[in-house]
Amino acid sequence: MSNVIKSMRPKQWYKNLVLFIGVLFSSNMLNLTFLVDSGVAFLVFCLLSGSIYLINDILDIEKDKNHPKKRKRPVPSGTLKVSHAIFFIVLFLTISFTVAYWVNQYFFLITLFFIILLLSYSLWLKNIIIADILIISSGFVIRAVAGALAISVFVSPWLIICAFLLALFLALGKRRHELIILGDEAKNHRIILEGYSTQMLDQMITITTSSLIMSYSLYTFFVGKIYMMITIPFAFYGLFKYLFLVHSKNLGGEPELIFKDKGMILSMILWVMIVFIVIYVDKIRGIF
């Protein structure tokens, strides 16, 4: 069971925190019912994404054996049998869809679309240049929308765009990392890497970063809460610090390592605190 959990990449589940955008920015974070529903939605997507990781390990088992790090994973290394992995995939998908339908019909439909999209990526779209990173980024948009549908609230389109651009930013950084660390063996790990170059990816990262900065700034201007603009410097610092880590320490392959950088952690904590205060200050006053 420990090998199954390891293969499901719990360290990657932080990506599903995007589902809480709906409850946070709709001013319902203090509503226990909405918070519980968002938590359930988060767990559903953790099971879904974990199942996809297991599927990917089975599909890429031969390629992963040539990767310096991925060959140590349970499936490529043989410590987790393929038959056992398939059993847990079926089990987790069954549980996920059952719970998703219990939440509500719309949430069930978007979880179904999410799994179909990621399966399409694993089987086909991951081999199409540029389309591969766009599909990965779209997965974050689906998460954000799913979080809103789970509690039936509206989320600003600007936030959805920001989620997409942030995911694209991270995906480009990961591709760049793979090119550098794998060198001439890159195409043996991912066929798609043969079509990329570090220069091309650097240009795409620059464009994406600029678009993300502009989109987030516009969101803070139009959200209707003027003090939200206070969060802009912290968001910018987080982006620029991540770029620094990608270029100077080559950490783009594992974005979760940003949680080990004190500057990144501090900026994220301050950003969350300010956002919470700005959105909920009136409700907090009402309580006291």
Protein backbone atom coordinates (compact mmCIF):
# COMPACT_ATOMS: atom_id res chain seq x y z
CA MET A 1 0.00 0.00 0.00
CA SER A 2 2.90 2.34 0.70
CA ASN A 3 4.09 1.82 -2.89
CA VAL A 4 0.61 2.64 -4.19
CA ILE A 5 0.50 5.88 -2.20
CA LYS A 6 4.02 6.77 -3.33
CA SER A 7 3.03 6.21 -6.97
CA MET A 8 0.04 8.52 -6.52
CA ARG A 9 2.50 11.39 -5.85
CA PRO A 10 1.01 12.97 -2.67
CA LYS A 11 3.61 15.73 -3.02
CA GLN A 12 1.84 16.80 -6.22
CA TRP A 13 -1.58 17.09 -4.61
CA TYR A 14 -0.94 20.70 -3.67
CA LYS A 15 -2.02 21.46 -7.25
CA ASN A 16 -5.57 20.55 -6.23
CA LEU A 17 -5.63 23.43 -3.75
CA VAL A 18 -6.81 25.44 -6.76
CA LEU A 19 -10.24 23.99 -5.99
CA PHE A 20 -10.46 26.27 -2.96
CA ILE A 21 -10.40 29.37 -5.18
CA GLY A 22 -14.19 29.20 -5.41
CA VAL A 23 -14.89 29.12 -1.68
CA LEU A 24 -12.12 31.63 -0.86
CA PHE A 25 -12.89 34.34 -3.41
CA SER A 26 -16.69 33.98 -3.18
CA SER A 27 -16.47 35.11 0.48
CA ASN A 28 -17.69 31.74 1.76
CA MET A 29 -14.56 30.55 3.55
CA LEU A 30 -16.32 31.03 6.90
CA ASN A 31 -19.32 28.99 5.75
CA LEU A 32 -18.76 25.51 7.22
CA THR A 33 -21.03 23.75 4.69
CA PHE A 34 -19.26 25.29 1.71
CA LEU A 35 -15.87 24.62 3.26
CA VAL A 36 -16.69 20.93 3.81
CA ASP A 37 -17.98 20.58 0.24
CA SER A 38 -14.78 22.16 -1.08
CA GLY A 39 -12.74 19.78 1.07
CA VAL A 40 -14.64 16.80 -0.36
CA ALA A 41 -14.04 18.13 -3.89
CA PHE A 42 -10.33 18.45 -3.06
CA LEU A 43 -10.15 14.82 -1.91
CA VAL A 44 -11.96 13.65 -5.05
CA PHE A 45 -9.43 15.38 -7.28
CA CYS A 46 -6.56 14.00 -5.22
CA LEU A 47 -7.83 10.49 -5.92
CA LEU A 48 -8.37 11.34 -9.60
CA SER A 49 -4.93 12.86 -10.10
CA GLY A 50 -3.35 10.02 -8.13
CA SER A 51 -5.06 7.50 -10.40
CA ILE A 52 -3.76 9.33 -13.46
CA TYR A 53 -0.21 9.18 -12.08
CA LEU A 54 -0.60 5.42 -11.68
CA ILE A 55 -1.88 5.14 -15.25
CA ASN A 56 1.05 7.21 -16.52
CA ASP A 57 3.52 5.00 -14.70
CA ILE A 58 2.04 1.95 -16.43
CA LEU A 59 2.01 3.58 -19.87
CA ASP A 60 5.53 5.02 -19.55
CA ILE A 61 7.12 2.13 -17.69
CA GLU A 62 9.80 1.48 -20.32
CA LYS A 63 10.67 5.16 -20.83
CA ASP A 64 10.82 5.84 -17.10
CA LYS A 65 13.43 3.12 -16.73
CA ASN A 66 15.80 5.42 -18.67
CA HIS A 67 15.14 8.42 -16.43
CA PRO A 68 17.67 9.04 -13.61
CA LYS A 69 14.95 9.67 -11.01
CA LYS A 70 11.74 8.14 -12.37
CA ARG A 71 13.26 4.67 -12.70
CA LYS A 72 13.23 4.51 -8.90
CA ARG A 73 9.43 4.80 -8.75
CA PRO A 74 7.52 1.67 -7.61
CA VAL A 75 6.08 0.69 -11.02
CA PRO A 76 9.21 1.17 -13.20
CA SER A 77 11.41 -0.40 -10.51
CA GLY A 78 9.09 -3.40 -10.16
CA THR A 79 8.30 -2.97 -6.46
CA LEU A 80 4.65 -2.40 -7.42
CA LYS A 81 3.15 -4.93 -9.82
CA VAL A 82 1.22 -3.57 -12.79
CA SER A 83 -1.76 -5.81 -11.94
CA HIS A 84 -1.91 -4.35 -8.42
CA ALA A 85 -1.68 -0.80 -9.80
CA ILE A 86 -4.60 -1.46 -12.17
CA PHE A 87 -6.73 -2.79 -9.30
CA PHE A 88 -6.22 0.40 -7.28
CA ILE A 89 -6.83 2.59 -10.32
CA VAL A 90 -10.27 1.03 -10.80
CA LEU A 91 -11.00 1.27 -7.08
CA PHE A 92 -10.00 4.94 -6.75
CA LEU A 93 -11.85 6.00 -9.91
CA THR A 94 -15.01 4.27 -8.71
CA ILE A 95 -14.83 6.01 -5.34
CA SER A 96 -14.07 9.38 -6.97
CA PHE A 97 -17.00 9.33 -9.38
CA THR A 98 -19.39 8.05 -6.73
CA VAL A 99 -18.51 10.86 -4.33
CA ALA A 100 -18.49 13.44 -7.15
CA TYR A 101 -22.06 12.46 -8.12
CA TRP A 102 -23.06 12.77 -4.47
CA VAL A 103 -21.72 16.36 -4.38
CA ASN A 104 -23.82 17.43 -7.38
CA GLN A 105 -24.42 16.63 -11.02
CA TYR A 106 -22.34 19.46 -12.46
CA PHE A 107 -19.34 18.59 -10.32
CA PHE A 108 -19.64 14.97 -11.46
CA LEU A 109 -19.66 16.03 -15.12
CA ILE A 110 -16.57 18.20 -14.78
CA THR A 111 -14.68 15.44 -12.94
CA LEU A 112 -15.59 13.11 -15.81
CA PHE A 113 -14.33 15.69 -18.32
CA PHE A 114 -11.14 16.11 -16.25
CA ILE A 115 -10.30 12.42 -16.32
CA ILE A 116 -11.09 12.14 -20.06
CA LEU A 117 -8.84 15.11 -20.82
CA LEU A 118 -5.94 13.72 -18.81
CA LEU A 119 -6.35 10.27 -20.32
CA SER A 120 -6.32 11.85 -23.78
CA TYR A 121 -3.13 13.63 -22.78
CA SER A 122 -1.50 10.42 -21.53
CA LEU A 123 -2.45 8.43 -24.62
CA TRP A 124 -2.03 11.01 -27.40
CA LEU A 125 -1.86 14.74 -26.72
CA LYS A 126 1.40 14.59 -24.74
CA ASN A 127 3.20 13.90 -28.02
CA ILE A 128 1.97 17.09 -29.72
CA ILE A 129 4.29 20.04 -29.20
CA ILE A 130 2.77 23.06 -27.39
CA ALA A 131 -0.56 21.22 -27.08
CA ASP A 132 1.02 19.16 -24.30
CA ILE A 133 1.68 22.14 -22.01
CA LEU A 134 -1.67 23.74 -22.88
CA ILE A 135 -3.52 20.59 -21.80
CA ILE A 136 -1.60 20.48 -18.53
CA SER A 137 -2.50 24.13 -17.91
CA SER A 138 -6.13 23.51 -18.79
CA GLY A 139 -6.21 20.95 -16.00
CA PHE A 140 -5.75 23.78 -13.49
CA VAL A 141 -8.61 25.72 -15.07
CA ILE A 142 -10.83 22.66 -14.71
CA ARG A 143 -9.84 22.39 -11.05
CA ALA A 144 -10.74 26.03 -10.43
CA VAL A 145 -14.10 25.67 -12.18
CA ALA A 146 -14.78 22.38 -10.40
CA GLY A 147 -14.22 24.03 -7.04
CA ALA A 148 -16.81 26.67 -7.91
CA LEU A 149 -19.30 24.10 -9.24
CA ALA A 150 -18.94 21.99 -6.10
CA ILE A 151 -20.46 24.81 -4.04
CA SER A 152 -22.46 26.45 -6.87
CA VAL A 153 -20.77 29.88 -6.80
CA PHE A 154 -19.43 32.27 -9.44
CA VAL A 155 -15.68 32.88 -9.81
CA SER A 156 -14.20 35.83 -11.68
CA PRO A 157 -12.98 34.90 -15.20
CA TRP A 158 -9.81 36.83 -14.39
CA LEU A 159 -8.98 34.31 -11.67
CA ILE A 160 -9.58 31.46 -14.10
CA ILE A 161 -7.18 33.08 -16.57
CA CYS A 162 -4.61 33.54 -13.80
CA ALA A 163 -4.89 29.87 -12.86
CA PHE A 164 -4.29 28.89 -16.49
CA LEU A 165 -1.30 31.19 -16.93
CA LEU A 166 0.27 30.15 -13.62
CA ALA A 167 -0.05 26.49 -14.60
CA LEU A 168 1.44 27.25 -18.02
CA PHE A 169 4.30 29.09 -16.32
CA LEU A 170 5.07 26.03 -14.15
CA ALA A 171 4.72 23.60 -17.09
CA LEU A 172 7.20 25.58 -19.19
CA GLY A 173 9.65 25.62 -16.29
CA LYS A 174 9.33 21.84 -15.99
CA ARG A 175 9.97 21.29 -19.71
CA ARG A 176 13.04 23.52 -19.50
CA HIS A 177 14.32 21.54 -16.52
CA GLU A 178 13.84 18.24 -18.37
CA LEU A 179 15.79 19.48 -21.38
CA ILE A 180 18.72 20.55 -19.22
CA ILE A 181 18.91 17.57 -16.86
CA LEU A 182 18.39 14.89 -19.53
CA GLY A 183 20.54 16.49 -22.24
CA ASP A 184 20.90 14.24 -25.29
CA GLU A 185 18.68 11.60 -23.65
CA ALA A 186 15.71 13.99 -23.41
CA LYS A 187 13.94 12.64 -26.50
CA ASN A 188 14.24 9.09 -25.16
CA HIS A 189 12.25 10.13 -22.10
CA ARG A 190 9.70 12.35 -23.86
CA ILE A 191 9.41 12.38 -27.63
CA ILE A 192 7.97 15.88 -27.40
CA LEU A 193 11.20 17.27 -25.93
CA GLU A 194 12.86 16.87 -29.32
CA GLY A 195 10.75 19.77 -30.59
CA TYR A 196 11.63 22.14 -27.75
CA SER A 197 14.76 24.16 -27.04
CA THR A 198 15.78 26.12 -23.95
CA GLN A 199 15.78 29.35 -25.97
CA MET A 200 12.24 28.72 -27.19
CA LEU A 201 11.02 27.84 -23.71
CA ASP A 202 12.68 30.92 -22.20
CA GLN A 203 10.81 33.13 -24.67
CA MET A 204 7.53 31.38 -23.87
CA ILE A 205 8.18 31.76 -20.14
CA THR A 206 8.78 35.49 -20.63
CA ILE A 207 5.52 35.91 -22.54
CA THR A 208 3.57 33.85 -20.00
CA THR A 209 5.03 35.71 -17.03
CA SER A 210 4.12 39.09 -18.56
CA SER A 211 0.59 37.91 -19.32
CA LEU A 212 0.17 36.52 -15.81
CA ILE A 213 1.36 39.74 -14.19
CA MET A 214 -1.04 41.81 -16.30
CA SER A 215 -3.99 39.45 -15.74
CA TYR A 216 -3.56 39.35 -11.97
CA SER A 217 -3.17 43.12 -11.82
CA LEU A 218 -6.38 43.59 -13.82
CA TYR A 219 -8.17 41.18 -11.50
CA THR A 220 -7.21 43.24 -8.45
CA PHE A 221 -8.42 46.39 -10.24
CA PHE A 222 -11.81 44.98 -11.24
CA VAL A 223 -12.64 42.74 -8.26
CA GLY A 224 -14.40 45.59 -6.47
CA LYS A 225 -12.11 45.55 -3.43
CA ILE A 226 -9.46 48.22 -3.95
CA TYR A 227 -7.20 46.94 -1.18
CA MET A 228 -6.69 43.71 -3.14
CA MET A 229 -4.02 45.66 -5.04
CA ILE A 230 -1.84 45.36 -1.92
CA THR A 231 -1.28 41.72 -2.87
CA ILE A 232 0.36 42.59 -6.20
CA PRO A 233 3.95 42.99 -4.88
CA PHE A 234 3.77 39.64 -3.07
CA ALA A 235 2.46 37.87 -6.18
CA PHE A 236 5.21 39.44 -8.28
CA TYR A 237 7.87 38.49 -5.75
CA GLY A 238 6.69 34.87 -5.84
CA LEU A 239 6.90 34.75 -9.64
CA PHE A 240 10.30 36.39 -9.83
CA LYS A 241 11.72 34.26 -7.02
CA TYR A 242 10.51 31.13 -8.80
CA LEU A 243 12.22 32.30 -12.00
CA PHE A 244 15.38 32.81 -9.96
CA LEU A 245 15.16 29.26 -8.62
CA VAL A 246 14.54 27.87 -12.11
CA HIS A 247 17.56 29.61 -13.65
CA SER A 248 20.06 29.61 -10.79
CA LYS A 249 19.23 26.33 -9.04
CA ASN A 250 17.41 24.49 -11.85
CA LEU A 251 14.39 23.56 -9.70
CA GLY A 252 11.82 23.78 -12.48
CA GLY A 253 11.38 20.01 -12.66
CA GLU A 254 9.88 19.85 -9.17
CA PRO A 255 7.78 22.97 -8.48
CA GLU A 256 6.87 21.61 -5.03
CA LEU A 257 10.45 22.39 -3.93
CA ILE A 258 9.39 26.04 -3.72
CA PHE A 259 7.88 25.10 -0.35
CA LYS A 260 11.43 24.63 0.91
CA ASP A 261 12.46 28.16 0.00
CA LYS A 262 11.91 30.59 2.88
CA GLY A 263 11.32 33.58 0.61
CA MET A 264 8.65 31.75 -1.41
CA ILE A 265 6.93 30.45 1.72
CA LEU A 266 6.87 33.90 3.32
CA SER A 267 5.48 35.59 0.21
CA MET A 268 2.74 32.94 -0.14
CA ILE A 269 1.75 33.21 3.52
CA LEU A 270 1.59 37.01 3.34
CA TRP A 271 -0.40 36.85 0.10
CA VAL A 272 -2.96 34.45 1.61
CA MET A 273 -3.24 36.53 4.79
CA ILE A 274 -3.81 39.79 2.93
CA VAL A 275 -6.34 38.21 0.54
CA PHE A 276 -8.23 36.73 3.48
CA ILE A 277 -8.28 40.02 5.38
CA VAL A 278 -9.38 42.06 2.35
CA ILE A 279 -12.20 39.67 1.42
CA TYR A 280 -13.44 38.84 4.91
CA VAL A 281 -12.78 41.98 6.93
CA ASP A 282 -16.48 42.97 6.91
CA LYS A 283 -17.61 39.50 7.98
CA ILE A 284 -14.99 39.39 10.71
CA ARG A 285 -16.22 42.74 12.03
CA GLY A 286 -19.77 41.40 12.04
CA ILE A 287 -18.74 38.43 14.19
CA PHE A 288 -17.15 40.67 16.82
